[in-house]
Amino acid sequence: QVQLVESGGGLVQAGGSLRLSCAASGITFRINDMGWYRQAPGKQREVVATINSLAFRIYASSVKGRFTISRDNAKNTVYLQMDSLKPEDTAVYYCNIRDATSTRSYWGQGTQVTVSS
């Protein structure tokens, strides 16, 4: 059974940094895309950043230059380094992985990030 466990969320002041981690277990397939999404209260879930198996990265325009996504394939783990945080970055952050063969998608349970002004 595939499980994704996120960690690293919390409360930080504007301008601060946080590093999110998401470790996947029960993996029996090759992972293609790994990514981070977020959902703020009253808003739809949106993509923050993704990284594919070739380490090609895509960022939302709102976080480009401030956030960095990376992955450790040996550990089936994806990271999100968040710098220069803003109050508008406040949301629940979810990690996501996609099976390279079946394209099935798996989600973590989410971790809260709160940025105070």
Protein backbone atom coordinates (compact mmCIF):
# COMPACT_ATOMS: atom_id res chain seq x y z
CA GLN A 1 0.00 0.00 0.00
CA VAL A 2 1.42 3.35 -1.04
CA GLN A 3 1.74 5.93 1.71
CA LEU A 4 3.00 9.50 1.47
CA VAL A 5 4.01 11.18 4.70
CA GLU A 6 4.62 14.91 4.69
CA SER A 7 6.53 16.84 7.32
CA GLY A 8 8.07 20.25 7.89
CA GLY A 9 5.01 22.48 7.99
CA GLY A 10 4.43 25.02 10.72
CA LEU A 11 4.10 28.67 11.62
CA VAL A 12 6.66 31.17 10.37
CA GLN A 13 6.89 34.92 10.06
CA ALA A 14 6.84 36.62 6.70
CA GLY A 15 10.27 36.51 5.11
CA GLY A 16 11.13 33.25 6.83
CA SER A 17 11.81 29.80 5.45
CA LEU A 18 10.45 26.28 5.77
CA ARG A 19 11.45 22.98 4.19
CA LEU A 20 8.77 20.41 3.45
CA SER A 21 9.54 16.74 2.99
CA CYS A 22 7.37 13.95 1.61
CA ALA A 23 8.50 10.36 1.94
CA ALA A 24 6.74 7.67 -0.07
CA SER A 25 6.61 4.06 1.09
CA GLY A 26 5.15 0.89 -0.37
CA ILE A 27 6.44 1.88 -3.83
CA THR A 28 6.51 -0.98 -6.33
CA PHE A 29 6.64 1.11 -9.48
CA ARG A 30 8.78 3.74 -11.15
CA ILE A 31 7.78 7.24 -10.09
CA ASN A 32 7.55 9.82 -12.84
CA ASP A 33 6.29 13.17 -11.61
CA MET A 34 6.58 14.29 -8.00
CA GLY A 35 5.03 17.53 -6.91
CA TRP A 36 3.66 19.88 -4.32
CA TYR A 37 0.20 21.42 -4.35
CA ARG A 38 -1.54 23.71 -1.91
CA GLN A 39 -5.05 24.65 -0.90
CA ALA A 40 -5.93 27.81 0.98
CA PRO A 41 -9.28 28.19 2.80
CA GLY A 42 -12.08 28.80 0.33
CA LYS A 43 -9.85 28.23 -2.68
CA GLN A 44 -9.20 25.38 -5.06
CA ARG A 45 -6.12 23.22 -4.82
CA GLU A 46 -3.36 24.60 -7.02
CA VAL A 47 -0.01 23.33 -8.22
CA VAL A 48 3.04 24.83 -6.53
CA ALA A 49 5.90 22.94 -8.16
CA THR A 50 6.57 19.68 -9.95
CA ILE A 51 9.70 17.72 -10.85
CA ASN A 52 9.81 14.80 -13.25
CA SER A 53 12.15 11.80 -13.42
CA LEU A 54 14.62 13.84 -15.50
CA ALA A 55 14.67 16.55 -12.83
CA PHE A 56 12.79 18.98 -15.05
CA ARG A 57 11.08 21.48 -12.78
CA ILE A 58 7.98 23.60 -13.21
CA TYR A 59 6.96 26.31 -10.76
CA ALA A 60 3.83 28.36 -10.29
CA SER A 61 4.55 31.97 -11.16
CA SER A 62 3.64 33.03 -7.63
CA VAL A 63 6.51 31.02 -6.11
CA LYS A 64 9.16 31.16 -8.83
CA GLY A 65 12.44 32.42 -7.44
CA ARG A 66 11.38 31.75 -3.83
CA PHE A 67 10.65 27.99 -3.73
CA THR A 68 12.87 25.11 -4.84
CA ILE A 69 11.67 21.56 -5.46
CA SER A 70 14.03 18.61 -5.37
CA ARG A 71 13.83 14.84 -5.12
CA ASP A 72 15.87 11.93 -3.83
CA ASN A 73 15.01 8.92 -5.95
CA ALA A 74 16.86 6.48 -3.70
CA LYS A 75 14.63 7.53 -0.81
CA ASN A 76 11.43 8.10 -2.83
CA THR A 77 11.30 11.54 -1.24
CA VAL A 78 10.44 14.96 -2.59
CA TYR A 79 11.33 18.24 -0.91
CA LEU A 80 10.13 21.82 -1.13
CA GLN A 81 12.43 24.54 0.14
CA MET A 82 10.36 27.66 0.72
CA ASP A 83 12.17 30.96 1.22
CA SER A 84 10.96 34.55 1.49
CA LEU A 85 7.57 33.29 2.61
CA LYS A 86 4.56 35.58 2.33
CA PRO A 87 1.21 35.53 4.15
CA GLU A 88 -0.43 34.52 0.87
CA ASP A 89 1.59 31.29 0.95
CA THR A 90 -0.55 30.16 3.90
CA ALA A 91 -2.28 26.91 2.94
CA VAL A 92 -2.33 23.18 3.43
CA TYR A 93 0.45 21.71 1.29
CA TYR A 94 0.02 18.30 -0.31
CA CYS A 95 2.59 16.15 -2.02
CA ASN A 96 1.74 14.05 -5.04
CA ILE A 97 3.48 11.29 -6.97
CA ARG A 98 2.55 9.67 -10.27
CA ASP A 99 3.20 6.12 -11.42
CA ALA A 100 5.22 6.29 -14.64
CA THR A 101 3.44 3.28 -16.17
CA SER A 102 -0.18 3.43 -15.02
CA THR A 103 -0.16 7.25 -14.49
CA ARG A 104 -2.07 6.64 -11.26
CA SER A 105 -1.67 9.50 -8.81
CA TYR A 106 -1.17 9.33 -5.06
CA TRP A 107 -1.60 12.09 -2.46
CA GLY A 108 -0.25 12.80 0.98
CA GLN A 109 -2.44 13.83 3.89
CA GLY A 110 -1.30 17.45 3.82
CA THR A 111 0.74 19.67 6.11
CA GLN A 112 -0.28 23.13 7.28
CA VAL A 113 1.92 26.11 6.48
CA THR A 114 0.98 29.40 8.13
CA VAL A 115 2.85 32.62 7.41
CA SER A 116 2.17 35.52 9.76
CA SER A 117 2.58 39.14 8.71
